[in-house]
């Protein structure tokens, strides 16, 4: 009988071997035919400048198998199908499907996920094929738009979509209200006017809630401010956060969803990450231009832990809690915490910084050592 690995056992391992040992144990539970050959070939770093390689994985996950890549999730927005109603209001229509899909979250570590997919996202535009991912499609619109989401449950369990925002009770996506639970094979339509502007999210609200969220049914939902509603400095800020304005193109915008995975289903996470893949941005650092403002829409969808956090090395940033203000709610900080479902906007600049790799990670050391760690690579 295969021994299930606990989080405490994982932390007792050397940093180099954590993900590899997880792969050898968890892989045998979900995909016995696979092997983790890197166990025989991994060597400790010999160069003192490579000391950080002790925190990470040997090898990479198979992004083609997953059908999503965390480097693409950073920038892959789903704007929906856009049209204009007779009253002049913008209509954005989305199609979202819930499916069951096994994903690889660290080399050799497979997780039986429940995930959202959308045929309107760039990676999903293959005839007759829906590509799901964790986190789900990053939906984006503008305050005042009419949002229409056709949701189909293609999975094996009842699901819903609950949007954090302002809408009627009928559109709340919770059991016993409106359309309520959507059973496998059924569909429903969620429709509401986008408000307020900010960095929001959506997730399944079926019971047991902690399991449906943890299994992967969540995603970012960003509502841009309408610059025409503001004047002066606030209008300029709103324009820089509105994807239809040229000012927005001057900013490098990213989506980061903090999440975790309970690989042995004991009510505690063994893998932590941003955008699902352990150490994804250590293996492939996020390349940024030092003279360009960086804007991160960051959300915490980590289940089983009360808080998560982000800390950026060697620099400080401004933070907009929930993204619902045009002025920072915290100025010149290098670490912020978020409870589950909390979200916000981080704005940071590396102007005049020397080129190189600048680390970012959760400031819970356990989370960082189990996957939630990466690098910004500042270029000239």
Protein backbone atom coordinates (compact mmCIF):
# COMPACT_ATOMS: atom_id res chain seq x y z
CA UNK A 1 0.00 0.00 0.00
CA UNK A 2 1.49 3.36 -1.01
CA UNK A 3 2.33 5.70 1.85
CA UNK A 4 0.72 9.12 1.52
CA UNK A 5 3.07 12.06 2.01
CA UNK A 6 2.14 14.71 4.58
CA UNK A 7 3.20 18.33 4.48
CA UNK A 8 5.41 17.87 7.55
CA UNK A 9 7.18 14.99 5.85
CA UNK A 10 7.73 17.11 2.75
CA UNK A 11 9.35 19.87 4.78
CA UNK A 12 11.76 17.39 6.39
CA UNK A 13 13.26 16.64 3.00
CA UNK A 14 16.16 18.60 1.53
CA UNK A 15 15.06 21.53 -0.59
CA UNK A 16 16.38 19.95 -3.78
CA UNK A 17 14.41 16.78 -3.25
CA UNK A 18 11.03 18.10 -2.10
CA UNK A 19 9.22 18.10 -5.41
CA UNK A 20 10.99 14.98 -6.58
CA UNK A 21 9.95 13.01 -3.52
CA UNK A 22 6.40 14.35 -3.90
CA UNK A 23 6.49 13.18 -7.49
CA UNK A 24 7.56 9.65 -6.54
CA UNK A 25 4.81 9.35 -3.92
CA UNK A 26 1.87 11.23 -5.40
CA UNK A 27 2.56 10.05 -8.94
CA UNK A 28 2.07 6.46 -7.82
CA UNK A 29 -1.39 7.41 -6.57
CA UNK A 30 -2.63 9.08 -9.74
CA UNK A 31 -0.41 7.89 -12.59
CA UNK A 32 1.49 4.71 -11.68
CA UNK A 33 2.91 4.28 -15.17
CA UNK A 34 4.95 7.50 -14.92
CA UNK A 35 8.40 7.63 -13.28
CA UNK A 36 10.53 10.40 -11.85
CA UNK A 37 13.88 9.68 -13.46
CA UNK A 38 15.36 12.94 -12.21
CA UNK A 39 15.80 11.34 -8.77
CA UNK A 40 18.80 9.44 -10.08
CA UNK A 41 20.30 12.42 -11.93
CA UNK A 42 19.91 15.37 -9.56
CA UNK A 43 23.10 16.85 -8.10
CA UNK A 44 23.49 19.60 -5.51
CA UNK A 45 24.69 22.98 -6.78
CA UNK A 46 28.47 23.42 -6.80
CA UNK A 47 28.63 27.17 -7.42
CA UNK A 48 27.85 29.43 -4.47
CA UNK A 49 26.05 31.76 -6.89
CA UNK A 50 23.65 28.93 -7.71
CA UNK A 51 22.61 28.44 -4.08
CA UNK A 52 18.99 29.43 -4.83
CA UNK A 53 18.68 26.39 -7.09
CA UNK A 54 18.33 24.41 -3.88
CA UNK A 55 14.80 25.85 -3.67
CA UNK A 56 12.98 24.54 -6.68
CA UNK A 57 12.42 21.47 -8.80
CA UNK A 58 14.59 19.39 -11.09
CA UNK A 59 12.98 19.45 -14.52
CA UNK A 60 9.71 21.06 -15.53
CA UNK A 61 6.10 20.03 -15.87
CA UNK A 62 4.71 19.07 -19.26
CA UNK A 63 2.84 22.21 -20.30
CA UNK A 64 1.56 20.50 -23.44
CA UNK A 65 -0.04 17.81 -21.27
CA UNK A 66 -1.65 20.50 -19.10
CA UNK A 67 -2.65 22.55 -22.16
CA UNK A 68 -1.76 25.73 -20.30
CA UNK A 69 1.47 27.48 -19.39
CA UNK A 70 1.82 29.73 -16.32
CA UNK A 71 3.97 32.14 -18.34
CA UNK A 72 1.01 32.67 -20.68
CA UNK A 73 -1.56 32.89 -17.87
CA UNK A 74 0.19 36.07 -16.71
CA UNK A 75 -0.96 37.94 -19.82
CA UNK A 76 -3.85 35.95 -21.30
CA UNK A 77 -7.00 38.06 -20.91
CA UNK A 78 -10.44 36.92 -22.04
CA UNK A 79 -12.38 40.01 -23.16
CA UNK A 80 -15.38 37.99 -24.37
CA UNK A 81 -17.27 38.59 -27.59
CA UNK A 82 -17.93 42.32 -27.70
CA UNK A 83 -20.97 44.02 -29.28
CA UNK A 84 -23.08 47.12 -28.72
CA UNK A 85 -26.72 47.08 -27.61
CA UNK A 86 -29.36 49.44 -29.04
CA UNK A 87 -29.09 51.66 -25.95
CA UNK A 88 -25.36 52.08 -26.55
CA UNK A 89 -24.27 49.79 -23.72
CA UNK A 90 -21.38 47.42 -24.40
CA UNK A 91 -22.29 43.73 -24.21
CA UNK A 92 -19.58 41.18 -23.42
CA UNK A 93 -20.51 37.52 -23.86
CA UNK A 94 -18.47 34.65 -22.43
CA UNK A 95 -18.82 30.89 -22.61
CA UNK A 96 -17.42 28.90 -19.71
CA UNK A 97 -17.39 25.14 -19.30
CA UNK A 98 -16.53 23.18 -16.15
CA UNK A 99 -14.64 19.94 -16.79
CA UNK A 100 -12.66 17.26 -14.94
CA UNK A 101 -8.98 17.22 -15.90
CA UNK A 102 -5.79 15.81 -14.43
CA UNK A 103 -3.00 18.39 -14.35
CA UNK A 104 0.70 18.23 -13.49
CA UNK A 105 1.49 20.81 -10.77
CA UNK A 106 5.18 19.89 -10.21
CA UNK A 107 7.45 17.51 -12.11
CA UNK A 108 5.82 14.10 -11.72
CA UNK A 109 3.09 15.38 -9.38
CA UNK A 110 -0.40 14.93 -10.86
CA UNK A 111 -3.61 16.35 -9.43
CA UNK A 112 -7.21 15.37 -10.38
CA UNK A 113 -8.61 18.87 -10.86
CA UNK A 114 -12.03 20.34 -11.60
CA UNK A 115 -11.45 23.33 -13.83
CA UNK A 116 -13.03 26.09 -15.91
CA UNK A 117 -12.38 26.49 -19.63
CA UNK A 118 -13.45 29.00 -22.25
CA UNK A 119 -13.52 28.65 -26.05
CA UNK A 120 -13.07 32.44 -26.32
CA UNK A 121 -9.56 32.45 -24.83
CA UNK A 122 -6.63 32.33 -27.29
CA UNK A 123 -5.35 28.96 -26.08
CA UNK A 124 -8.79 27.37 -26.54
CA UNK A 125 -9.49 28.34 -30.15
CA UNK A 126 -9.31 24.83 -31.50
CA UNK A 127 -12.40 23.59 -33.27
CA UNK A 128 -14.37 21.15 -31.13
CA UNK A 129 -11.94 21.33 -28.21
CA UNK A 130 -12.23 23.15 -24.87
CA UNK A 131 -8.99 23.81 -23.03
CA UNK A 132 -9.47 24.19 -19.29
CA UNK A 133 -6.94 25.53 -16.87
CA UNK A 134 -6.24 26.44 -13.24
CA UNK A 135 -6.83 29.26 -12.57
CA UNK A 136 -9.71 29.63 -15.01
CA UNK A 137 -9.86 32.24 -17.80
CA UNK A 138 -8.99 35.78 -16.68
CA UNK A 139 -12.18 37.64 -17.56
CA UNK A 140 -11.87 41.37 -18.22
CA UNK A 141 -14.40 44.11 -18.92
CA UNK A 142 -15.17 47.76 -18.18
CA UNK A 143 -17.46 49.16 -15.49
CA UNK A 144 -20.94 49.60 -16.93
CA UNK A 145 -20.61 46.76 -19.47
CA UNK A 146 -23.40 44.20 -19.55
CA UNK A 147 -21.82 40.83 -18.80
CA UNK A 148 -23.44 37.64 -20.09
CA UNK A 149 -21.86 34.31 -19.18
CA UNK A 150 -23.23 31.05 -20.57
CA UNK A 151 -22.07 28.37 -18.15
CA UNK A 152 -22.20 24.66 -19.01
CA UNK A 153 -21.31 21.93 -16.54
CA UNK A 154 -19.30 19.32 -18.42
CA UNK A 155 -17.89 17.80 -15.26
CA UNK A 156 -18.93 14.90 -13.07
CA UNK A 157 -20.20 16.93 -10.08
CA UNK A 158 -22.70 19.79 -9.58
CA UNK A 159 -21.10 23.24 -10.01
CA UNK A 160 -21.90 26.97 -10.18
CA UNK A 161 -20.10 30.24 -10.86
CA UNK A 162 -20.25 32.89 -8.14
CA UNK A 163 -18.87 36.31 -9.14
CA UNK A 164 -17.47 38.75 -6.60
CA UNK A 165 -19.10 42.02 -7.65
CA UNK A 166 -22.49 43.71 -7.60
CA UNK A 167 -25.43 41.83 -9.09
CA UNK A 168 -28.94 40.59 -8.28
CA UNK A 169 -29.57 37.67 -5.94
CA UNK A 170 -30.84 35.63 -8.90
CA UNK A 171 -27.38 35.85 -10.51
CA UNK A 172 -25.42 34.98 -7.36
CA UNK A 173 -24.48 31.42 -8.33
CA UNK A 174 -25.26 29.83 -4.96
CA UNK A 175 -27.37 26.76 -4.08
CA UNK A 176 -31.08 27.42 -3.65
CA UNK A 177 -31.09 30.91 -5.23
CA UNK A 178 -31.83 31.73 -8.86
CA UNK A 179 -30.57 28.97 -11.11
CA UNK A 180 -28.92 27.37 -8.08
CA UNK A 181 -26.84 24.25 -8.60
CA UNK A 182 -26.04 23.35 -12.21
CA UNK A 183 -25.88 19.58 -12.60
CA UNK A 184 -23.66 17.73 -15.09
CA UNK A 185 -24.90 18.29 -18.63
CA UNK A 186 -26.95 21.38 -17.69
CA UNK A 187 -26.40 25.05 -18.56
CA UNK A 188 -27.42 28.45 -17.26
CA UNK A 189 -26.78 32.13 -18.04
CA UNK A 190 -25.40 34.67 -15.57
CA UNK A 191 -26.04 38.29 -16.55
CA UNK A 192 -25.30 41.56 -14.75
CA UNK A 193 -23.84 45.04 -15.22
CA UNK A 194 -20.15 45.13 -14.30
CA UNK A 195 -19.55 47.01 -11.03
CA UNK A 196 -17.57 48.17 -9.16
CA UNK A 197 -14.27 48.55 -11.00
CA UNK A 198 -11.49 46.58 -9.39
CA UNK A 199 -9.56 43.33 -9.14
CA UNK A 200 -12.18 40.66 -8.49
CA UNK A 201 -12.61 36.91 -8.86
CA UNK A 202 -15.09 34.12 -9.48
CA UNK A 203 -15.37 30.60 -8.11
CA UNK A 204 -17.68 27.63 -7.73
CA UNK A 205 -20.06 27.86 -4.77
CA UNK A 206 -21.32 24.27 -4.72
CA UNK A 207 -20.95 22.23 -1.53
CA UNK A 208 -18.64 21.23 0.00
CA UNK A 209 -17.31 24.68 -0.81
CA UNK A 210 -13.74 24.10 0.32
CA UNK A 211 -13.40 21.08 -1.96
CA UNK A 212 -14.91 22.73 -5.06
CA UNK A 213 -12.64 25.75 -4.71
CA UNK A 214 -9.54 23.77 -3.82
CA UNK A 215 -9.96 21.44 -6.80
CA UNK A 216 -9.43 24.40 -9.14
CA UNK A 217 -12.75 26.11 -9.90
CA UNK A 218 -11.75 29.77 -9.67
CA UNK A 219 -10.31 32.60 -11.74
CA UNK A 220 -9.58 36.33 -11.96
CA UNK A 221 -12.33 38.81 -12.91
CA UNK A 222 -11.09 42.35 -13.59
CA UNK A 223 -13.38 45.33 -14.14
CA UNK A 224 -11.55 48.35 -15.58
CA UNK A 225 -12.58 51.86 -14.52
CA UNK A 226 -14.27 54.09 -17.12
CA UNK A 227 -12.01 57.16 -17.49
CA UNK A 228 -14.92 59.26 -18.79
CA UNK A 229 -16.42 59.21 -15.27
CA UNK A 230 -13.42 60.97 -13.75
CA UNK A 231 -11.41 64.17 -14.19
CA UNK A 232 -7.86 65.36 -13.69
CA UNK A 233 -5.38 62.99 -12.06
CA UNK A 234 -8.04 60.35 -11.43
CA UNK A 235 -8.95 60.29 -15.11
CA UNK A 236 -5.30 59.71 -16.04
CA UNK A 237 -5.05 56.85 -13.55
CA UNK A 238 -8.30 55.32 -14.80
CA UNK A 239 -7.06 55.53 -18.39
CA UNK A 240 -3.87 53.67 -17.47
CA UNK A 241 -6.03 50.87 -16.00
CA UNK A 242 -8.47 50.65 -18.92
CA UNK A 243 -7.43 48.12 -21.56
CA UNK A 244 -9.03 50.13 -24.41
CA UNK A 245 -6.94 53.28 -23.78
CA UNK A 246 -3.43 53.84 -25.19
CA UNK A 247 -2.15 54.81 -21.74
CA UNK A 248 -2.74 51.23 -20.64
CA UNK A 249 -0.29 49.90 -23.22
CA UNK A 250 2.52 51.70 -21.38
CA UNK A 251 2.05 49.43 -18.35
CA UNK A 252 3.00 45.74 -18.12
CA UNK A 253 -0.01 44.03 -16.54
CA UNK A 254 0.00 40.54 -15.06
CA UNK A 255 -2.43 38.16 -13.35
CA UNK A 256 -1.21 36.16 -10.37
CA UNK A 257 -3.55 33.81 -8.53
CA UNK A 258 -2.04 32.38 -5.35
CA UNK A 259 -3.16 28.78 -4.86
CA UNK A 260 -2.31 25.49 -3.20
CA UNK A 261 -2.96 21.78 -3.73
CA UNK A 262 -3.80 19.08 -1.20
CA UNK A 263 -2.24 16.16 -3.05
CA UNK A 264 -3.16 13.50 -0.48
CA UNK A 265 -6.56 14.96 0.52
CA UNK A 266 -5.76 15.25 4.23
CA UNK A 267 -7.03 18.84 4.53
CA UNK A 268 -3.59 20.46 4.15
CA UNK A 269 -1.66 21.60 1.10
CA UNK A 270 1.55 19.92 -0.02
CA UNK A 271 2.18 22.22 -3.01
CA UNK A 272 1.89 26.03 -3.16
CA UNK A 273 2.18 28.18 -6.25
CA UNK A 274 1.19 31.24 -8.23
CA UNK A 275 -0.87 30.22 -11.25
CA UNK A 276 -0.72 26.55 -10.20
CA UNK A 277 2.76 25.32 -11.15
CA UNK A 278 5.30 25.02 -8.31
CA UNK A 279 8.36 27.24 -8.82
CA UNK A 280 7.12 28.13 -12.33
CA UNK A 281 8.72 31.58 -12.29
CA UNK A 282 11.99 30.32 -10.86
CA UNK A 283 12.39 27.91 -13.76
CA UNK A 284 11.22 30.61 -16.18
CA UNK A 285 11.68 34.06 -14.60
CA UNK A 286 9.26 36.82 -15.59
CA UNK A 287 11.17 39.16 -17.89
CA UNK A 288 10.35 42.83 -17.38
CA UNK A 289 11.66 46.16 -18.69
CA UNK A 290 13.11 48.27 -15.92
CA UNK A 291 11.65 51.52 -17.30
CA UNK A 292 8.08 50.14 -17.44
CA UNK A 293 5.55 50.23 -14.59
CA UNK A 294 4.52 46.72 -13.50
CA UNK A 295 0.89 46.14 -12.44
CA UNK A 296 -0.04 42.82 -10.84
CA UNK A 297 -3.66 41.78 -10.33
CA UNK A 298 -3.15 39.37 -7.45
CA UNK A 299 -5.76 37.16 -5.75
CA UNK A 300 -5.65 34.57 -2.99
CA UNK A 301 -7.58 31.37 -3.71
CA UNK A 302 -5.55 29.17 -1.36
CA UNK A 303 -7.78 26.75 0.55
CA UNK A 304 -6.99 25.22 4.00
CA UNK A 305 -4.72 28.14 5.04
CA UNK A 306 -6.23 31.34 6.50
CA UNK A 307 -3.86 33.76 4.73
CA UNK A 308 -1.35 34.02 1.92
CA UNK A 309 1.08 36.81 1.07
CA UNK A 310 3.50 38.27 -1.44
CA UNK A 311 6.89 39.80 -0.69
CA UNK A 312 9.12 41.34 -3.37
CA UNK A 313 12.87 41.54 -2.76
CA UNK A 314 15.01 44.67 -2.96
CA UNK A 315 12.13 47.00 -3.80
CA UNK A 316 8.87 48.49 -2.50
CA UNK A 317 5.46 48.90 -4.12
CA UNK A 318 2.05 50.54 -3.84
CA UNK A 319 -0.99 48.39 -3.16
CA UNK A 320 -4.68 48.89 -3.97
CA UNK A 321 -6.79 46.62 -1.76
CA UNK A 322 -9.53 45.01 -3.91
CA UNK A 323 -8.47 47.41 -6.70
CA UNK A 324 -11.57 49.53 -6.07
CA UNK A 325 -9.72 52.82 -5.56
CA UNK A 326 -7.70 54.99 -7.92
CA UNK A 327 -5.27 55.88 -5.13
CA UNK A 328 -3.17 53.31 -3.23
CA UNK A 329 -4.54 51.97 0.04
CA UNK A 330 -0.97 51.10 1.13
CA UNK A 331 2.09 53.04 -0.01
CA UNK A 332 5.74 51.98 -0.11
CA UNK A 333 5.37 48.45 1.25
CA UNK A 334 7.25 45.29 0.33
CA UNK A 335 4.84 42.69 1.75
CA UNK A 336 1.05 42.39 1.82
CA UNK A 337 -1.24 39.69 3.18
CA UNK A 338 -4.55 38.47 1.76
CA UNK A 339 -7.16 36.26 3.36
CA UNK A 340 -8.90 33.74 1.14
CA UNK A 341 -10.75 35.49 -1.73
CA UNK A 342 -9.08 38.81 -0.96
CA UNK A 343 -7.43 40.46 -3.92
CA UNK A 344 -5.80 43.68 -4.99
CA UNK A 345 -3.39 45.44 -7.33
CA UNK A 346 0.36 45.72 -6.83
CA UNK A 347 2.16 48.48 -8.74
CA UNK A 348 5.95 48.39 -8.75
CA UNK A 349 8.74 50.01 -10.76
CA UNK A 350 12.33 48.87 -11.26
CA UNK A 351 13.36 52.12 -12.94
CA UNK A 352 17.10 52.80 -12.53
CA UNK A 353 17.60 49.37 -10.91
CA UNK A 354 20.49 47.28 -12.15
CA UNK A 355 19.50 44.37 -14.40
CA UNK A 356 19.21 40.97 -12.76
CA UNK A 357 16.90 38.57 -10.98
CA UNK A 358 14.71 39.92 -8.17
CA UNK A 359 12.96 37.29 -6.09
CA UNK A 360 9.31 37.34 -5.04
CA UNK A 361 7.52 34.79 -2.85
CA UNK A 362 5.05 34.19 -0.07
CA UNK A 363 6.44 35.32 3.26
CA UNK A 364 5.25 32.16 4.91
CA UNK A 365 8.53 30.25 4.57
CA UNK A 366 6.70 26.93 4.33
CA UNK A 367 4.70 28.12 1.31
CA UNK A 368 7.86 29.41 -0.39
CA UNK A 369 9.77 26.18 0.16
CA UNK A 370 6.89 24.14 -1.27
CA UNK A 371 6.54 26.04 -4.53
CA UNK A 372 5.43 29.67 -4.05
CA UNK A 373 8.60 31.42 -5.18
CA UNK A 374 9.81 33.06 -8.38
CA UNK A 375 11.97 35.74 -10.01
CA UNK A 376 11.44 38.94 -11.93
CA UNK A 377 14.28 39.24 -14.42
CA UNK A 378 14.88 42.94 -14.98
CA UNK A 379 16.29 43.69 -18.42
CA UNK A 380 18.00 46.85 -19.67
